[in-house]
Amino acid sequence: MADGILVGKGEARAVLVRPDMANRHGLVAGATGTGKTVTLQRLAERFSRIGVPVFVADVKGDLAGISQAGGDNAKVAERVAEMDLAAEEGFTYAPCPVTCWDLYGEQGHPVRTTISEMGPLLLARLLRLNDVQEGVLNICFRVADDNGLLLLDLKDLRAMLSHVAENAASLKTLFGNVSAASVGAIQRRLLTLEEQGGDLLFGEPALDLGDLMRCDDAGRGIVNVLAADRLIQSPQVYASLLLWLLSELFEQLPELGDPEQPVLVFFFDEAHLLFDDAPKVLVDKVEQVVRLIRSKGVGVYFVTQNPMDLPDEVLGQLGNRVQHALRAFTPRDQKAVRAAAQTFRQNPGLDTEATITALGVGEALASTLDVNGIPGMVERIRVAPPGSRLGPIGHAERRALLAGSPVAGVYEQAVDRASAYETLKLMAEQAALAAEAAAAVPVPPRHEPASSRRAPQTPLEAFTVSAMRSLGAQLGRQMARGKLGSLFGGPRRR
């Protein structure tokens, strides 16, 4: 099996994933209980064995068993003997090097990012904002950038929203209207996110992506297992976190072209959550990342129950496919079976559509890319088992993994440095102190120069002023009547 990673064996041939084609992405699909998790674990384990780091979300809590040696499962032993894996690929029961991660910091090292790194597009998706509210969020990011204000955690974003609302009149000419109702709606969504534990996602120290792409001393790629059994209860947070990881990998990694093997393989379990109620702009973003991240040496493998859960733009980018059984109990299920069958390169000796519904547990239809990047004909296979443990690990085993982790002690203690919240709070306090100081200073009385002061009027001055006023009033009346000439004794007009 030197030409690639063995996925399984059929009657005609074995199906392999070539390392130099592994960054063309892939799909593992099938109904619940058909063996998707075992296939995922098999692929992750074999990528690790050839020196490729792996990131995988452990939705059900049993993928952490990849850190322990197998050998206690009779069905696995039976499959190994049937497929003669010991002779053909040197199959052994052995663990993989594992680093555990957990958003909540309970089952692994904490995973954090900052508000700025998440960006307004993903944050709007996370908060389920409408177009108007997303526009206000964009204004907050722009004002923060223009003023050098750091947006690190939720309290920074809240302070920035309040600042924009208070200065809405001055910002209107530059960015448009900022309504108090939109700001209030965003603040309420932030409160809901905080109640779901989403506030733990934002802060420092932020995750260094280099810590996901490590190998151990023996050259095996480290398998990064994100504990997601609790996180999956907040599907928006789960999907946004994984999409942020993909986006950061795309932005930070250098261009590699077509490497001999990936620098990282990313398994996205429960992938349909990424696209549920997703706006078109976000779907376009995912499609762009999946299409272009290949040249960065990253392979993305979507794991989901139904291929129809993925948009066609994304599904068309997935070259390596493993399809477990689908059930056709409803018209929609039957449509999904037909769609799944049509995505494979057809095999003249195999009725793909009929086979999908007849697959047993541990069986699959598979098609992978050959040396020229051409999809192979679909083959019915028995999936090869992993050499690591199938199932969860105990608390003592998890504590041992955390203690021996290469990043132990790096992310456990949160850091809260000065950012937008502290800066805006200081500005408000200084403004309040300046206003108090201005109000406390007494205003001196106004004194006119002695030369400009008027003395009280004498009786003669008072009489003169009164006479002049009377004369002025009489002149005004005569002018209004056209009799100004007669007033001064001139000739009268007839």
Protein backbone atom coordinates (compact mmCIF):
# COMPACT_ATOMS: atom_id res chain seq x y z
CA MET A 1 0.00 0.00 0.00
CA ALA A 2 2.94 2.31 -0.66
CA ASP A 3 0.93 4.24 -3.28
CA GLY A 4 -1.57 5.61 -0.80
CA ILE A 5 -3.82 5.25 2.20
CA LEU A 6 -5.99 2.16 2.06
CA VAL A 7 -9.68 3.00 2.48
CA GLY A 8 -11.02 -0.48 1.81
CA LYS A 9 -11.01 -3.43 -0.54
CA GLY A 10 -13.57 -4.55 -3.10
CA GLU A 11 -13.91 -7.68 -5.17
CA ALA A 12 -12.01 -6.16 -8.08
CA ARG A 13 -9.48 -3.90 -6.45
CA ALA A 14 -8.47 -1.90 -3.37
CA VAL A 15 -9.41 1.77 -3.07
CA LEU A 16 -6.63 4.12 -1.96
CA VAL A 17 -6.36 7.84 -1.24
CA ARG A 18 -3.15 9.07 -2.82
CA PRO A 19 -1.26 11.51 -0.53
CA ASP A 20 -0.56 13.85 -3.47
CA MET A 21 -4.30 13.94 -4.22
CA ALA A 22 -5.50 14.15 -0.62
CA ASN A 23 -5.69 17.96 -0.79
CA ARG A 24 -8.40 17.63 -3.47
CA HIS A 25 -10.77 17.25 -0.53
CA GLY A 26 -13.27 14.54 0.17
CA LEU A 27 -16.67 13.41 1.41
CA VAL A 28 -17.70 10.75 3.91
CA ALA A 29 -21.49 10.34 3.89
CA GLY A 30 -24.06 7.88 5.12
CA ALA A 31 -26.99 7.34 7.44
CA THR A 32 -26.59 7.08 11.20
CA GLY A 33 -24.93 3.86 12.32
CA THR A 34 -23.48 2.86 8.96
CA GLY A 35 -19.81 3.35 9.89
CA LYS A 36 -18.94 6.97 9.03
CA THR A 37 -17.05 7.52 12.30
CA VAL A 38 -14.92 4.39 11.81
CA THR A 39 -14.06 5.52 8.27
CA LEU A 40 -13.16 8.97 9.56
CA GLN A 41 -10.95 7.46 12.27
CA ARG A 42 -9.27 5.15 9.76
CA LEU A 43 -8.41 8.06 7.45
CA ALA A 44 -7.24 10.32 10.30
CA GLU A 45 -5.04 7.55 11.72
CA ARG A 46 -3.41 6.76 8.37
CA PHE A 47 -2.76 10.41 7.58
CA SER A 48 -1.05 10.71 10.97
CA ARG A 49 1.11 7.63 10.22
CA ILE A 50 2.55 9.25 7.07
CA GLY A 51 3.35 12.53 8.89
CA VAL A 52 0.27 14.63 8.10
CA PRO A 53 -1.29 16.56 11.02
CA VAL A 54 -5.05 16.18 11.34
CA PHE A 55 -7.85 18.26 12.83
CA VAL A 56 -11.11 16.52 13.66
CA ALA A 57 -14.21 17.51 15.63
CA ASP A 58 -15.33 14.81 18.07
CA VAL A 59 -19.09 15.31 17.97
CA LYS A 60 -20.09 12.08 19.74
CA GLY A 61 -17.19 11.89 22.19
CA ASP A 62 -15.66 8.66 20.89
CA LEU A 63 -12.95 9.87 18.49
CA ALA A 64 -10.54 10.53 21.34
CA GLY A 65 -10.01 6.75 21.35
CA ILE A 66 -7.58 7.32 18.51
CA SER A 67 -5.06 8.20 21.22
CA GLN A 68 -5.11 4.61 22.56
CA ALA A 69 -4.08 1.32 20.98
CA GLY A 70 -6.88 -0.96 19.79
CA GLY A 71 -7.02 -4.73 19.89
CA ASP A 72 -9.99 -5.28 22.16
CA ASN A 73 -12.66 -5.39 19.43
CA ALA A 74 -13.52 -8.81 17.99
CA LYS A 75 -15.14 -7.39 14.84
CA VAL A 76 -12.04 -5.36 14.08
CA ALA A 77 -9.84 -8.44 14.49
CA GLU A 78 -12.15 -10.39 12.21
CA ARG A 79 -12.03 -7.70 9.50
CA VAL A 80 -8.22 -7.49 9.73
CA ALA A 81 -7.97 -11.25 9.17
CA GLU A 82 -10.48 -11.27 6.30
CA MET A 83 -8.65 -8.48 4.46
CA ASP A 84 -5.17 -9.83 5.34
CA LEU A 85 -4.13 -6.34 6.41
CA ALA A 86 -1.18 -7.51 8.51
CA ALA A 87 0.55 -8.86 5.42
CA GLU A 88 -0.53 -6.22 2.91
CA GLU A 89 0.00 -3.00 4.86
CA GLY A 90 1.74 -4.11 8.04
CA PHE A 91 -1.36 -3.47 10.16
CA THR A 92 -0.65 -3.08 13.88
CA TYR A 93 -2.65 -1.96 16.87
CA ALA A 94 -1.11 1.36 17.86
CA PRO A 95 -2.22 4.80 19.13
CA CYS A 96 -1.76 8.16 17.43
CA PRO A 97 -0.24 11.26 19.03
CA VAL A 98 -3.19 13.41 20.08
CA THR A 99 -3.72 16.97 21.32
CA CYS A 100 -7.13 17.61 22.91
CA TRP A 101 -8.95 20.92 22.48
CA ASP A 102 -12.18 22.18 24.00
CA LEU A 103 -13.91 25.54 23.68
CA TYR A 104 -15.00 25.26 27.31
CA GLY A 105 -11.58 24.18 28.58
CA GLU A 106 -12.96 21.08 30.29
CA GLN A 107 -11.83 18.20 28.06
CA GLY A 108 -8.90 19.91 26.36
CA HIS A 109 -6.93 23.09 25.92
CA PRO A 110 -9.15 26.18 25.44
CA VAL A 111 -9.74 27.40 21.90
CA ARG A 112 -10.04 31.17 21.49
CA THR A 113 -10.01 33.76 18.78
CA THR A 114 -10.62 37.51 18.82
CA ILE A 115 -13.56 39.51 17.55
CA SER A 116 -11.33 41.15 14.94
CA GLU A 117 -10.06 37.81 13.64
CA MET A 118 -13.57 36.41 13.41
CA GLY A 119 -14.60 39.39 11.27
CA PRO A 120 -18.05 40.90 10.64
CA LEU A 121 -19.21 38.31 8.09
CA LEU A 122 -18.76 35.25 10.30
CA LEU A 123 -19.88 37.18 13.37
CA ALA A 124 -23.10 38.20 11.64
CA ARG A 125 -23.69 34.53 10.77
CA LEU A 126 -22.97 33.54 14.36
CA LEU A 127 -25.45 36.11 15.69
CA ARG A 128 -28.04 35.51 12.93
CA LEU A 129 -28.22 39.19 12.00
CA ASN A 130 -30.28 40.61 9.15
CA ASP A 131 -28.81 42.86 6.45
CA VAL A 132 -29.43 46.11 8.35
CA GLN A 133 -27.93 44.78 11.56
CA GLU A 134 -24.95 43.38 9.67
CA GLY A 135 -24.43 46.85 8.20
CA VAL A 136 -24.28 48.36 11.69
CA LEU A 137 -21.78 45.68 12.69
CA ASN A 138 -19.61 46.60 9.72
CA ILE A 139 -19.70 50.23 10.81
CA CYS A 140 -18.48 49.21 14.28
CA PHE A 141 -15.53 47.36 12.80
CA ARG A 142 -14.70 50.28 10.50
CA VAL A 143 -14.85 52.89 13.28
CA ALA A 144 -12.71 50.66 15.51
CA ASP A 145 -10.10 50.29 12.75
CA ASP A 146 -10.06 54.02 11.99
CA ASN A 147 -9.48 54.85 15.65
CA GLY A 148 -7.02 52.07 16.48
CA LEU A 149 -9.38 50.33 18.91
CA LEU A 150 -8.78 46.61 19.51
CA LEU A 151 -11.81 44.33 19.38
CA LEU A 152 -10.77 41.25 21.34
CA ASP A 153 -13.76 39.97 23.30
CA LEU A 154 -17.49 40.53 23.68
CA LYS A 155 -17.20 43.43 26.10
CA ASP A 156 -15.11 45.27 23.51
CA LEU A 157 -17.81 44.76 20.91
CA ARG A 158 -20.54 45.87 23.32
CA ALA A 159 -18.60 49.04 24.18
CA MET A 160 -18.03 49.74 20.50
CA LEU A 161 -21.73 49.33 19.71
CA SER A 162 -22.63 51.80 22.48
CA HIS A 163 -20.03 54.26 21.21
CA VAL A 164 -21.40 54.09 17.66
CA ALA A 165 -24.97 54.53 18.90
CA GLU A 166 -24.02 57.59 20.98
CA ASN A 167 -22.23 59.18 18.00
CA ALA A 168 -24.75 58.14 15.36
CA ALA A 169 -25.41 61.75 14.27
CA SER A 170 -21.74 62.48 13.49
CA LEU A 171 -21.22 59.09 11.80
CA LYS A 172 -24.32 59.37 9.62
CA THR A 173 -22.67 61.46 6.91
CA LEU A 174 -19.78 58.98 6.56
CA PHE A 175 -21.38 55.57 7.03
CA GLY A 176 -25.15 56.03 6.88
CA ASN A 177 -27.84 55.80 9.49
CA VAL A 178 -27.23 53.83 12.69
CA SER A 179 -30.53 53.17 14.40
CA ALA A 180 -30.82 52.52 18.11
CA ALA A 181 -33.14 49.60 17.35
CA SER A 182 -30.47 47.80 15.32
CA VAL A 183 -27.86 48.34 18.00
CA GLY A 184 -30.27 47.07 20.63
CA ALA A 185 -31.02 43.95 18.57
CA ILE A 186 -27.31 43.15 18.23
CA GLN A 187 -26.79 43.64 21.95
CA ARG A 188 -29.60 41.18 22.68
CA ARG A 189 -28.05 38.62 20.33
CA LEU A 190 -24.73 39.03 22.11
CA LEU A 191 -26.47 38.32 25.41
CA THR A 192 -27.97 35.13 23.97
CA LEU A 193 -24.57 34.07 22.65
CA GLU A 194 -23.02 34.66 26.05
CA GLU A 195 -25.66 32.49 27.72
CA GLN A 196 -24.75 29.67 25.31
CA GLY A 197 -21.09 29.92 26.34
CA GLY A 198 -20.06 31.64 23.12
CA ASP A 199 -18.22 34.34 25.08
CA LEU A 200 -15.54 31.72 25.81
CA LEU A 201 -14.73 31.68 22.11
CA PHE A 202 -13.45 35.26 22.18
CA GLY A 203 -10.39 36.44 24.04
CA GLU A 204 -6.67 35.90 24.37
CA PRO A 205 -4.37 34.08 24.03
CA ALA A 206 -5.82 33.32 20.60
CA LEU A 207 -5.15 29.96 18.97
CA ASP A 208 -1.89 29.82 17.04
CA LEU A 209 -2.57 27.77 13.91
CA GLY A 210 0.98 26.50 14.03
CA ASP A 211 -0.01 24.46 17.08
CA LEU A 212 -2.42 22.49 14.86
CA MET A 213 0.30 21.50 12.40
CA ARG A 214 2.80 19.68 14.58
CA CYS A 215 4.48 16.29 14.28
CA ASP A 216 5.88 14.22 17.12
CA ASP A 217 9.47 13.08 17.51
CA ALA A 218 8.77 9.98 15.42
CA GLY A 219 7.52 12.08 12.50
CA ARG A 220 3.85 11.18 12.94
CA GLY A 221 1.33 13.95 12.45
CA ILE A 222 -0.48 14.99 15.63
CA VAL A 223 -4.23 14.42 15.57
CA ASN A 224 -6.00 17.48 17.02
CA VAL A 225 -9.29 16.34 18.55
CA LEU A 226 -11.81 19.08 19.33
CA ALA A 227 -14.25 17.92 22.00
CA ALA A 228 -17.57 18.93 20.45
CA ASP A 229 -20.13 16.78 22.25
CA ARG A 230 -21.20 19.83 24.28
CA LEU A 231 -20.34 22.40 21.63
CA ILE A 232 -22.65 20.76 19.08
CA GLN A 233 -25.59 21.85 21.25
CA SER A 234 -24.79 25.38 20.03
CA PRO A 235 -24.64 24.64 16.29
CA GLN A 236 -24.04 28.25 15.27
CA VAL A 237 -20.98 28.48 17.50
CA TYR A 238 -19.72 25.09 16.29
CA ALA A 239 -20.06 25.92 12.60
CA SER A 240 -18.62 29.42 12.99
CA LEU A 241 -15.60 28.14 14.90
CA LEU A 242 -14.70 25.55 12.26
CA LEU A 243 -15.31 27.95 9.38
CA TRP A 244 -13.09 30.51 11.11
CA LEU A 245 -10.34 27.90 11.35
CA LEU A 246 -10.64 27.19 7.62
CA SER A 247 -10.60 30.89 6.78
CA GLU A 248 -7.54 31.54 8.94
CA LEU A 249 -5.69 28.61 7.37
CA PHE A 250 -6.50 30.00 3.94
CA GLU A 251 -5.29 33.49 4.83
CA GLN A 252 -2.14 32.56 6.74
CA LEU A 253 -0.65 29.58 4.92
CA PRO A 254 1.70 30.18 1.99
CA GLU A 255 1.01 29.01 -1.54
CA LEU A 256 2.40 25.50 -2.13
CA GLY A 257 0.91 24.41 -5.43
CA ASP A 258 0.68 20.60 -5.48
CA PRO A 259 2.65 19.18 -2.53
CA GLU A 260 3.51 15.50 -2.23
CA GLN A 261 1.18 15.29 0.75
CA PRO A 262 -1.02 17.76 2.65
CA VAL A 263 0.30 19.99 5.43
CA LEU A 264 -3.01 19.47 7.27
CA VAL A 265 -6.17 17.41 6.77
CA PHE A 266 -9.33 18.96 8.21
CA PHE A 267 -12.37 16.77 8.96
CA PHE A 268 -15.62 18.72 9.26
CA ASP A 269 -18.11 16.43 11.03
CA GLU A 270 -21.85 17.28 10.92
CA ALA A 271 -21.01 19.48 7.95
CA HIS A 272 -24.65 20.30 7.22
CA LEU A 273 -24.62 22.68 10.21
CA LEU A 274 -22.35 24.98 8.26
CA PHE A 275 -24.97 25.54 5.58
CA ASP A 276 -28.23 25.49 7.56
CA ASP A 277 -29.94 28.87 6.95
CA ALA A 278 -26.63 30.25 5.67
CA PRO A 279 -26.90 33.39 3.51
CA LYS A 280 -25.68 33.26 -0.08
CA VAL A 281 -22.62 35.37 0.70
CA LEU A 282 -21.47 32.86 3.32
CA VAL A 283 -22.01 29.88 1.03
CA ASP A 284 -19.95 31.70 -1.60
CA LYS A 285 -17.23 32.28 1.01
CA VAL A 286 -17.11 28.57 1.91
CA GLU A 287 -17.00 27.57 -1.75
CA GLN A 288 -14.14 30.01 -2.36
CA VAL A 289 -12.15 28.74 0.61
CA VAL A 290 -12.65 25.09 -0.32
CA ARG A 291 -11.69 25.75 -3.93
CA LEU A 292 -8.55 27.78 -3.19
CA ILE A 293 -7.23 26.23 0.02
CA ARG A 294 -6.15 23.16 -1.95
CA SER A 295 -3.11 25.07 -3.21
CA LYS A 296 -2.19 25.86 0.41
CA GLY A 297 -1.77 22.12 1.05
CA VAL A 298 -4.91 21.68 3.16
CA GLY A 299 -7.37 18.87 2.50
CA VAL A 300 -10.95 19.35 3.73
CA TYR A 301 -13.15 16.28 4.27
CA PHE A 302 -16.85 16.87 4.92
CA VAL A 303 -18.64 14.25 7.01
CA THR A 304 -22.42 14.30 6.83
CA GLN A 305 -25.43 12.01 6.59
CA ASN A 306 -26.68 13.09 3.19
CA PRO A 307 -24.66 14.49 0.27
CA MET A 308 -27.58 16.80 -0.47
CA ASP A 309 -26.77 18.63 2.75
CA LEU A 310 -23.91 20.31 0.90
CA PRO A 311 -24.37 22.96 -1.81
CA ASP A 312 -23.57 21.86 -5.35
CA GLU A 313 -20.75 24.42 -5.53
CA VAL A 314 -19.01 22.70 -2.61
CA LEU A 315 -19.94 19.13 -3.54
CA GLY A 316 -18.31 19.60 -6.94
CA GLN A 317 -14.94 20.26 -5.29
CA LEU A 318 -14.77 16.93 -3.43
CA GLY A 319 -12.66 14.43 -5.37
CA ASN A 320 -12.29 11.55 -2.86
CA ARG A 321 -15.64 10.06 -1.84
CA VAL A 322 -16.78 7.35 0.54
CA GLN A 323 -20.53 6.76 0.53
CA HIS A 324 -22.01 4.54 3.24
CA ALA A 325 -25.58 3.28 3.15
CA LEU A 326 -28.53 5.60 2.66
CA ARG A 327 -32.13 4.71 3.44
CA ALA A 328 -34.89 5.40 0.92
CA PHE A 329 -38.02 5.49 3.06
CA THR A 330 -39.38 8.81 1.79
CA PRO A 331 -39.48 10.58 -1.61
CA ARG A 332 -36.76 12.94 -0.42
CA ASP A 333 -34.61 9.97 0.62
CA GLN A 334 -35.09 8.38 -2.80
CA LYS A 335 -34.06 11.63 -4.47
CA ALA A 336 -30.95 11.74 -2.27
CA VAL A 337 -30.03 8.18 -3.26
CA ARG A 338 -30.32 9.02 -6.95
CA ALA A 339 -28.27 12.20 -6.48
CA ALA A 340 -25.55 10.34 -4.56
CA ALA A 341 -25.36 7.63 -7.22
CA GLN A 342 -25.02 10.18 -10.01
CA THR A 343 -22.03 11.87 -8.39
CA PHE A 344 -19.82 8.80 -8.91
CA ARG A 345 -18.02 7.73 -12.04
CA GLN A 346 -20.18 4.81 -13.05
CA ASN A 347 -18.93 1.24 -12.98
CA PRO A 348 -20.51 -0.94 -15.74
CA GLY A 349 -20.52 -3.93 -13.43
CA LEU A 350 -22.27 -2.17 -10.54
CA ASP A 351 -25.76 -0.75 -10.10
CA THR A 352 -24.76 2.19 -7.93
CA GLU A 353 -28.25 3.41 -7.02
CA ALA A 354 -29.45 -0.02 -5.92
CA THR A 355 -26.23 -0.76 -4.04
CA ILE A 356 -26.39 2.37 -1.88
CA THR A 357 -29.52 1.15 -0.10
CA ALA A 358 -28.16 -2.41 0.27
CA LEU A 359 -24.82 -1.64 1.93
CA GLY A 360 -24.18 -3.17 5.32
CA VAL A 361 -22.40 -1.64 8.32
CA GLY A 362 -18.74 -1.22 7.47
CA GLU A 363 -19.38 -1.30 3.72
CA ALA A 364 -19.30 1.66 1.37
CA LEU A 365 -19.14 2.84 -2.21
CA ALA A 366 -15.84 4.60 -2.83
CA SER A 367 -14.15 6.56 -5.60
CA THR A 368 -10.83 8.36 -5.30
CA LEU A 369 -8.54 10.31 -7.62
CA ASP A 370 -5.80 8.56 -9.54
CA VAL A 371 -2.30 9.87 -10.29
CA ASN A 372 -3.71 12.17 -13.00
CA GLY A 373 -6.49 13.52 -10.79
CA ILE A 374 -9.17 11.51 -12.60
CA PRO A 375 -11.92 9.98 -10.41
CA GLY A 376 -11.77 6.20 -10.38
CA MET A 377 -14.81 4.09 -11.13
CA VAL A 378 -17.02 3.55 -8.11
CA GLU A 379 -16.28 0.37 -6.20
CA ARG A 380 -18.16 -1.45 -3.46
CA ILE A 381 -15.69 -2.00 -0.62
CA ARG A 382 -15.35 -3.25 2.91
CA VAL A 383 -13.78 -0.40 4.89
CA ALA A 384 -10.47 -1.20 6.56
CA PRO A 385 -10.57 -0.71 10.36
CA PRO A 386 -8.25 1.56 12.35
CA GLY A 387 -5.53 0.20 14.64
CA SER A 388 -6.52 2.56 17.44
CA ARG A 389 -9.32 2.12 19.94
CA LEU A 390 -12.92 2.44 18.79
CA GLY A 391 -14.69 4.32 21.55
CA PRO A 392 -14.18 7.03 24.18
CA ILE A 393 -11.35 7.39 26.67
CA GLY A 394 -11.49 7.68 30.45
CA HIS A 395 -10.80 10.74 32.60
CA ALA A 396 -7.40 9.45 33.70
CA GLU A 397 -6.36 8.85 30.08
CA ARG A 398 -7.52 12.32 29.09
CA ARG A 399 -5.64 13.95 31.98
CA ALA A 400 -2.49 12.11 30.89
CA LEU A 401 -2.92 13.46 27.35
CA LEU A 402 -3.33 17.01 28.61
CA ALA A 403 -0.32 16.76 30.92
CA GLY A 404 1.93 15.47 28.14
CA SER A 405 0.65 17.87 25.49
CA PRO A 406 3.22 20.09 23.70
CA VAL A 407 0.98 23.11 24.38
CA ALA A 408 0.25 22.34 28.05
CA GLY A 409 -0.03 25.59 30.02
CA VAL A 410 -0.05 27.86 26.95
CA TYR A 411 -3.78 28.52 26.59
CA GLU A 412 -5.20 27.67 30.01
CA GLN A 413 -4.90 31.15 31.55
CA ALA A 414 -6.96 33.86 29.83
CA VAL A 415 -5.36 37.29 29.28
CA ASP A 416 -7.38 40.52 29.32
CA ARG A 417 -5.22 43.34 28.00
CA ALA A 418 -6.27 46.93 27.32
CA SER A 419 -8.56 47.09 24.29
CA ALA A 420 -11.63 48.97 23.02
CA TYR A 421 -13.61 48.53 26.25
CA GLU A 422 -10.88 49.96 28.47
CA THR A 423 -10.04 52.77 26.01
CA LEU A 424 -13.63 53.92 25.58
CA LYS A 425 -14.24 53.68 29.33
CA LEU A 426 -11.20 55.87 30.00
CA MET A 427 -12.33 58.41 27.40
CA ALA A 428 -15.79 58.60 29.00
CA GLU A 429 -14.30 59.08 32.48
CA GLN A 430 -12.01 61.86 31.26
CA ALA A 431 -14.90 63.62 29.51
CA ALA A 432 -17.01 63.41 32.68
CA LEU A 433 -14.19 64.84 34.80
CA ALA A 434 -13.67 67.70 32.34
CA ALA A 435 -17.38 68.53 32.43
CA GLU A 436 -17.40 68.54 36.24
CA ALA A 437 -14.35 70.79 36.36
CA ALA A 438 -15.91 73.25 33.92
CA ALA A 439 -19.11 73.39 35.95
CA ALA A 440 -17.22 74.03 39.21
CA VAL A 441 -15.35 77.19 37.98
CA PRO A 442 -17.38 80.44 38.82
CA VAL A 443 -18.05 82.88 35.97
CA PRO A 444 -16.59 86.36 36.88
CA PRO A 445 -18.96 89.38 36.59
CA ARG A 446 -18.53 91.57 33.55
CA HIS A 447 -17.00 95.00 34.31
CA GLU A 448 -17.11 97.87 31.82
CA PRO A 449 -14.37 100.53 31.70
CA ALA A 450 -15.08 103.70 33.64
CA SER A 451 -14.90 105.78 30.46
CA SER A 452 -17.70 103.79 28.86
CA ARG A 453 -20.08 103.99 31.79
CA ARG A 454 -23.05 106.33 31.28
CA ALA A 455 -24.03 108.75 34.01
CA PRO A 456 -27.66 108.95 35.01
CA GLN A 457 -29.71 111.16 32.65
CA THR A 458 -30.35 114.79 33.72
CA PRO A 459 -33.85 116.31 33.33
CA LEU A 460 -32.64 118.24 30.26
CA GLU A 461 -31.28 115.10 28.60
CA ALA A 462 -34.48 113.24 29.33
CA PHE A 463 -36.57 116.09 27.75
CA THR A 464 -34.35 116.18 24.64
CA VAL A 465 -34.63 112.41 24.12
CA SER A 466 -38.40 112.58 24.48
CA ALA A 467 -38.69 115.46 21.99
CA MET A 468 -36.55 113.69 19.42
CA ARG A 469 -38.63 110.54 19.71
CA SER A 470 -41.84 112.56 19.22
CA LEU A 471 -40.41 114.32 16.15
CA GLY A 472 -39.29 111.03 14.66
CA ALA A 473 -42.75 109.55 15.09
CA GLN A 474 -44.36 112.58 13.40
CA LEU A 475 -41.95 112.36 10.44
CA GLY A 476 -42.82 108.71 10.01
CA ARG A 477 -46.54 109.43 9.82
CA GLN A 478 -46.14 112.24 7.29
CA MET A 479 -43.91 110.17 5.05
CA ALA A 480 -46.50 107.41 5.08
CA ARG A 481 -49.17 109.94 3.94
CA GLY A 482 -46.98 111.64 1.28
CA LYS A 483 -47.06 115.02 3.13
CA LEU A 484 -43.39 115.36 3.90
CA GLY A 485 -43.16 118.61 1.90
CA SER A 486 -45.96 120.37 3.85
CA LEU A 487 -44.33 119.45 7.10
CA PHE A 488 -41.32 121.58 6.20
CA GLY A 489 -43.43 124.42 4.70
CA GLY A 490 -42.85 123.63 1.00
CA PRO A 491 -45.44 124.05 -1.76
CA ARG A 492 -48.32 121.64 -1.74
CA ARG A 493 -49.15 119.54 -4.74
CA ARG A 494 -52.61 119.87 -6.14
